[in-house]
């Protein structure tokens, strides 16, 4: 042993160096995992919003009321389009979710389009467009 220090003292420095190298990789994996959870949550909220809009139209509510119901279930800042043609209802919900927070890179764009048959509930007359 040329240094005269015990082996334990020499290993302390290498553990610190290994930790310094591993910490950024761990933080990156954690941030990507949290971003994936945020994206999945926003996607599910968009699906729920599309269904809420279709249900509102099926109840005989106006398109404006269906859009309001969809926006209430959608992520903040989402864009909602509701169209009804006969018994077919098309509800499109578009949203954006920042994967690494507000200061991160370009947000991920989400788009859900639901085309469903939404027969009117018994006793409900079809609302006109608008």
C-alpha atoms as a PDB file:
ATOM      1  CA  UNK A   1       0.000   0.000   0.000  1.00  0.00           C
ATOM      2  CA  UNK A   2       1.733   3.045  -1.260  1.00  0.00           C
ATOM      3  CA  UNK A   3      -0.594   5.706   0.139  1.00  0.00           C
ATOM      4  CA  UNK A   4      -0.475   4.554   3.723  1.00  0.00           C
ATOM      5  CA  UNK A   5      -4.263   5.101   4.132  1.00  0.00           C
ATOM      6  CA  UNK A   6      -6.584   2.222   4.939  1.00  0.00           C
ATOM      7  CA  UNK A   7      -8.609   0.762   2.043  1.00  0.00           C
ATOM      8  CA  UNK A   8     -11.830   1.992   3.638  1.00  0.00           C
ATOM      9  CA  UNK A   9     -10.776   5.657   3.295  1.00  0.00           C
ATOM     10  CA  UNK A  10      -9.898   5.188  -0.378  1.00  0.00           C
ATOM     11  CA  UNK A  11     -13.345   3.656  -1.115  1.00  0.00           C
ATOM     12  CA  UNK A  12     -15.251   6.603   0.355  1.00  0.00           C
ATOM     13  CA  UNK A  13     -14.242   8.827  -2.528  1.00  0.00           C
ATOM     14  CA  UNK A  14     -15.280   6.283  -5.147  1.00  0.00           C
ATOM     15  CA  UNK A  15     -18.726   5.857  -3.578  1.00  0.00           C
ATOM     16  CA  UNK A  16     -19.250   9.623  -3.717  1.00  0.00           C
ATOM     17  CA  UNK A  17     -18.192   9.702  -7.373  1.00  0.00           C
ATOM     18  CA  UNK A  18     -20.518   6.811  -8.256  1.00  0.00           C
ATOM     19  CA  UNK A  19     -23.395   8.554  -6.497  1.00  0.00           C
ATOM     20  CA  UNK A  20     -22.678  11.791  -8.375  1.00  0.00           C
ATOM     21  CA  UNK A  21     -22.832   9.921 -11.685  1.00  0.00           C
ATOM     22  CA  UNK A  22     -25.960   7.911 -10.841  1.00  0.00           C
ATOM     23  CA  UNK A  23     -28.035  10.741  -9.339  1.00  0.00           C
ATOM     24  CA  UNK A  24     -28.751  12.628 -12.611  1.00  0.00           C
ATOM     25  CA  UNK A  25     -29.736   9.385 -14.325  1.00  0.00           C
ATOM     26  CA  UNK A  26     -32.103   8.562 -11.452  1.00  0.00           C
ATOM     27  CA  UNK A  27     -33.649  12.051 -11.557  1.00  0.00           C
ATOM     28  CA  UNK A  28     -34.140  11.777 -15.339  1.00  0.00           C
ATOM     29  CA  UNK A  29     -35.840   8.372 -15.062  1.00  0.00           C
ATOM     30  CA  UNK A  30     -38.063   9.702 -12.264  1.00  0.00           C
ATOM     31  CA  UNK A  31     -39.029  12.787 -14.308  1.00  0.00           C
ATOM     32  CA  UNK A  32     -39.836  10.667 -17.360  1.00  0.00           C
ATOM     33  CA  UNK A  33     -41.941   8.333 -15.234  1.00  0.00           C
ATOM     34  CA  UNK A  34     -43.897  11.228 -13.749  1.00  0.00           C
ATOM     35  CA  UNK A  35     -44.363  12.690 -17.237  1.00  0.00           C
ATOM     36  CA  UNK A  36     -45.739   9.374 -18.493  1.00  0.00           C
ATOM     37  CA  UNK A  37     -48.203   9.245 -15.598  1.00  0.00           C
ATOM     38  CA  UNK A  38     -49.288  12.841 -16.343  1.00  0.00           C
ATOM     39  CA  UNK A  39     -49.796  12.003 -20.034  1.00  0.00           C
ATOM     40  CA  UNK A  40     -51.821   8.866 -19.231  1.00  0.00           C
ATOM     41  CA  UNK A  41     -53.973  10.801 -16.758  1.00  0.00           C
ATOM     42  CA  UNK A  42     -54.637  13.563 -19.292  1.00  0.00           C
ATOM     43  CA  UNK A  43     -55.507  10.973 -21.961  1.00  0.00           C
ATOM     44  CA  UNK A  44     -58.042   9.336 -19.638  1.00  0.00           C
ATOM     45  CA  UNK A  45     -59.548  12.720 -18.802  1.00  0.00           C
ATOM     46  CA  UNK A  46     -59.931  13.426 -22.539  1.00  0.00           C
ATOM     47  CA  UNK A  47     -61.729  10.093 -23.013  1.00  0.00           C
ATOM     48  CA  UNK A  48     -64.022  10.848 -20.064  1.00  0.00           C
ATOM     49  CA  UNK A  49     -64.725  14.314 -21.496  1.00  0.00           C
ATOM     50  CA  UNK A  50     -65.677  12.858 -24.887  1.00  0.00           C
ATOM     51  CA  UNK A  51     -68.064  10.432 -23.201  1.00  0.00           C
ATOM     52  CA  UNK A  52     -69.588  13.210 -21.085  1.00  0.00           C
ATOM     53  CA  UNK A  53     -70.271  15.245 -24.209  1.00  0.00           C
ATOM     54  CA  UNK A  54     -71.915  12.275 -25.948  1.00  0.00           C
ATOM     55  CA  UNK A  55     -74.090  11.581 -22.891  1.00  0.00           C
ATOM     56  CA  UNK A  56     -75.201  15.219 -22.768  1.00  0.00           C
ATOM     57  CA  UNK A  57     -76.292  15.115 -26.404  1.00  0.00           C
ATOM     58  CA  UNK A  58     -78.102  11.803 -25.809  1.00  0.00           C
ATOM     59  CA  UNK A  59     -80.039  13.447 -22.975  1.00  0.00           C
ATOM     60  CA  UNK A  60     -81.261  16.022 -25.487  1.00  0.00           C
ATOM     61  CA  UNK A  61     -79.136  18.919 -24.252  1.00  0.00           C
ATOM     62  CA  UNK A  62     -77.891  21.563 -26.652  1.00  0.00           C
ATOM     63  CA  UNK A  63     -74.481  21.310 -28.257  1.00  0.00           C
ATOM     64  CA  UNK A  64     -73.325  24.245 -26.096  1.00  0.00           C
ATOM     65  CA  UNK A  65     -74.366  22.355 -22.949  1.00  0.00           C
ATOM     66  CA  UNK A  66     -72.578  19.230 -24.203  1.00  0.00           C
ATOM     67  CA  UNK A  67     -69.407  21.240 -24.806  1.00  0.00           C
ATOM     68  CA  UNK A  68     -69.653  22.678 -21.300  1.00  0.00           C
ATOM     69  CA  UNK A  69     -70.067  19.177 -19.830  1.00  0.00           C
ATOM     70  CA  UNK A  70     -67.076  17.915 -21.802  1.00  0.00           C
ATOM     71  CA  UNK A  71     -64.909  20.876 -20.774  1.00  0.00           C
ATOM     72  CA  UNK A  72     -65.752  20.249 -17.124  1.00  0.00           C
ATOM     73  CA  UNK A  73     -64.288  16.732 -17.412  1.00  0.00           C
ATOM     74  CA  UNK A  74     -61.389  17.619 -19.739  1.00  0.00           C
ATOM     75  CA  UNK A  75     -57.897  18.767 -18.716  1.00  0.00           C
ATOM     76  CA  UNK A  76     -57.416  22.513 -18.312  1.00  0.00           C
ATOM     77  CA  UNK A  77     -57.220  24.355 -21.612  1.00  0.00           C
ATOM     78  CA  UNK A  78     -58.668  21.503 -23.687  1.00  0.00           C
ATOM     79  CA  UNK A  79     -60.508  22.237 -26.933  1.00  0.00           C
ATOM     80  CA  UNK A  80     -63.849  20.442 -27.422  1.00  0.00           C
ATOM     81  CA  UNK A  81     -65.854  19.956 -30.639  1.00  0.00           C
ATOM     82  CA  UNK A  82     -69.298  18.301 -30.580  1.00  0.00           C
ATOM     83  CA  UNK A  83     -71.224  17.413 -33.723  1.00  0.00           C
ATOM     84  CA  UNK A  84     -74.503  15.536 -34.042  1.00  0.00           C
ATOM     85  CA  UNK A  85     -75.777  13.997 -37.269  1.00  0.00           C
ATOM     86  CA  UNK A  86     -78.880  11.889 -36.788  1.00  0.00           C
ATOM     87  CA  UNK A  87     -78.024   9.380 -34.076  1.00  0.00           C
ATOM     88  CA  UNK A  88     -74.278   9.679 -34.578  1.00  0.00           C
ATOM     89  CA  UNK A  89     -72.417  11.921 -32.173  1.00  0.00           C
ATOM     90  CA  UNK A  90     -68.835  12.966 -32.812  1.00  0.00           C
ATOM     91  CA  UNK A  91     -66.998  14.467 -29.843  1.00  0.00           C
ATOM     92  CA  UNK A  92     -63.381  15.496 -30.227  1.00  0.00           C
ATOM     93  CA  UNK A  93     -61.275  16.601 -27.274  1.00  0.00           C
ATOM     94  CA  UNK A  94     -57.787  18.023 -27.790  1.00  0.00           C
ATOM     95  CA  UNK A  95     -55.452  18.869 -24.948  1.00  0.00           C
ATOM     96  CA  UNK A  96     -51.800  19.469 -24.165  1.00  0.00           C
ATOM     97  CA  UNK A  97     -49.827  18.179 -21.210  1.00  0.00           C
ATOM     98  CA  UNK A  98     -46.341  19.366 -20.221  1.00  0.00           C
ATOM     99  CA  UNK A  99     -44.248  16.265 -19.568  1.00  0.00           C
ATOM    100  CA  UNK A 100     -41.525  17.882 -17.463  1.00  0.00           C
ATOM    101  CA  UNK A 101     -43.438  20.747 -15.907  1.00  0.00           C
ATOM    102  CA  UNK A 102     -44.095  24.247 -17.235  1.00  0.00           C
ATOM    103  CA  UNK A 103     -40.403  24.910 -17.895  1.00  0.00           C
ATOM    104  CA  UNK A 104     -39.855  21.624 -19.733  1.00  0.00           C
ATOM    105  CA  UNK A 105     -39.726  20.990 -23.467  1.00  0.00           C
ATOM    106  CA  UNK A 106     -42.663  21.224 -25.891  1.00  0.00           C
ATOM    107  CA  UNK A 107     -45.866  19.864 -24.291  1.00  0.00           C
ATOM    108  CA  UNK A 108     -47.328  16.602 -25.583  1.00  0.00           C
ATOM    109  CA  UNK A 109     -50.470  17.071 -27.693  1.00  0.00           C
ATOM    110  CA  UNK A 110     -53.347  14.698 -26.997  1.00  0.00           C
ATOM    111  CA  UNK A 111     -56.385  14.188 -29.178  1.00  0.00           C
ATOM    112  CA  UNK A 112     -59.327  11.883 -28.541  1.00  0.00           C
ATOM    113  CA  UNK A 113     -62.129  11.481 -31.020  1.00  0.00           C
ATOM    114  CA  UNK A 114     -65.224   9.529 -30.089  1.00  0.00           C
ATOM    115  CA  UNK A 115     -67.838   8.672 -32.693  1.00  0.00           C
ATOM    116  CA  UNK A 116     -70.729   6.855 -31.104  1.00  0.00           C
ATOM    117  CA  UNK A 117     -74.357   6.179 -31.607  1.00  0.00           C
ATOM    118  CA  UNK A 118     -76.189   8.131 -28.960  1.00  0.00           C
ATOM    119  CA  UNK A 119     -79.890   7.414 -29.289  1.00  0.00           C
ATOM    120  CA  UNK A 120     -82.026   9.929 -27.494  1.00  0.00           C
ATOM    121  CA  UNK A 121     -83.348   8.839 -24.149  1.00  0.00           C
ATOM    122  CA  UNK A 122     -87.081   8.071 -24.052  1.00  0.00           C
ATOM    123  CA  UNK A 123     -89.206  11.189 -23.813  1.00  0.00           C
ATOM    124  CA  UNK A 124     -86.451  13.534 -25.015  1.00  0.00           C
ATOM    125  CA  UNK A 125     -86.934  15.450 -28.248  1.00  0.00           C
ATOM    126  CA  UNK A 126     -83.914  16.115 -30.432  1.00  0.00           C
ATOM    127  CA  UNK A 127     -82.443  19.569 -29.858  1.00  0.00           C
ATOM    128  CA  UNK A 128     -81.656  21.600 -32.909  1.00  0.00           C
ATOM    129  CA  UNK A 129     -78.088  22.587 -33.836  1.00  0.00           C
ATOM    130  CA  UNK A 130     -76.447  25.133 -31.631  1.00  0.00           C
END
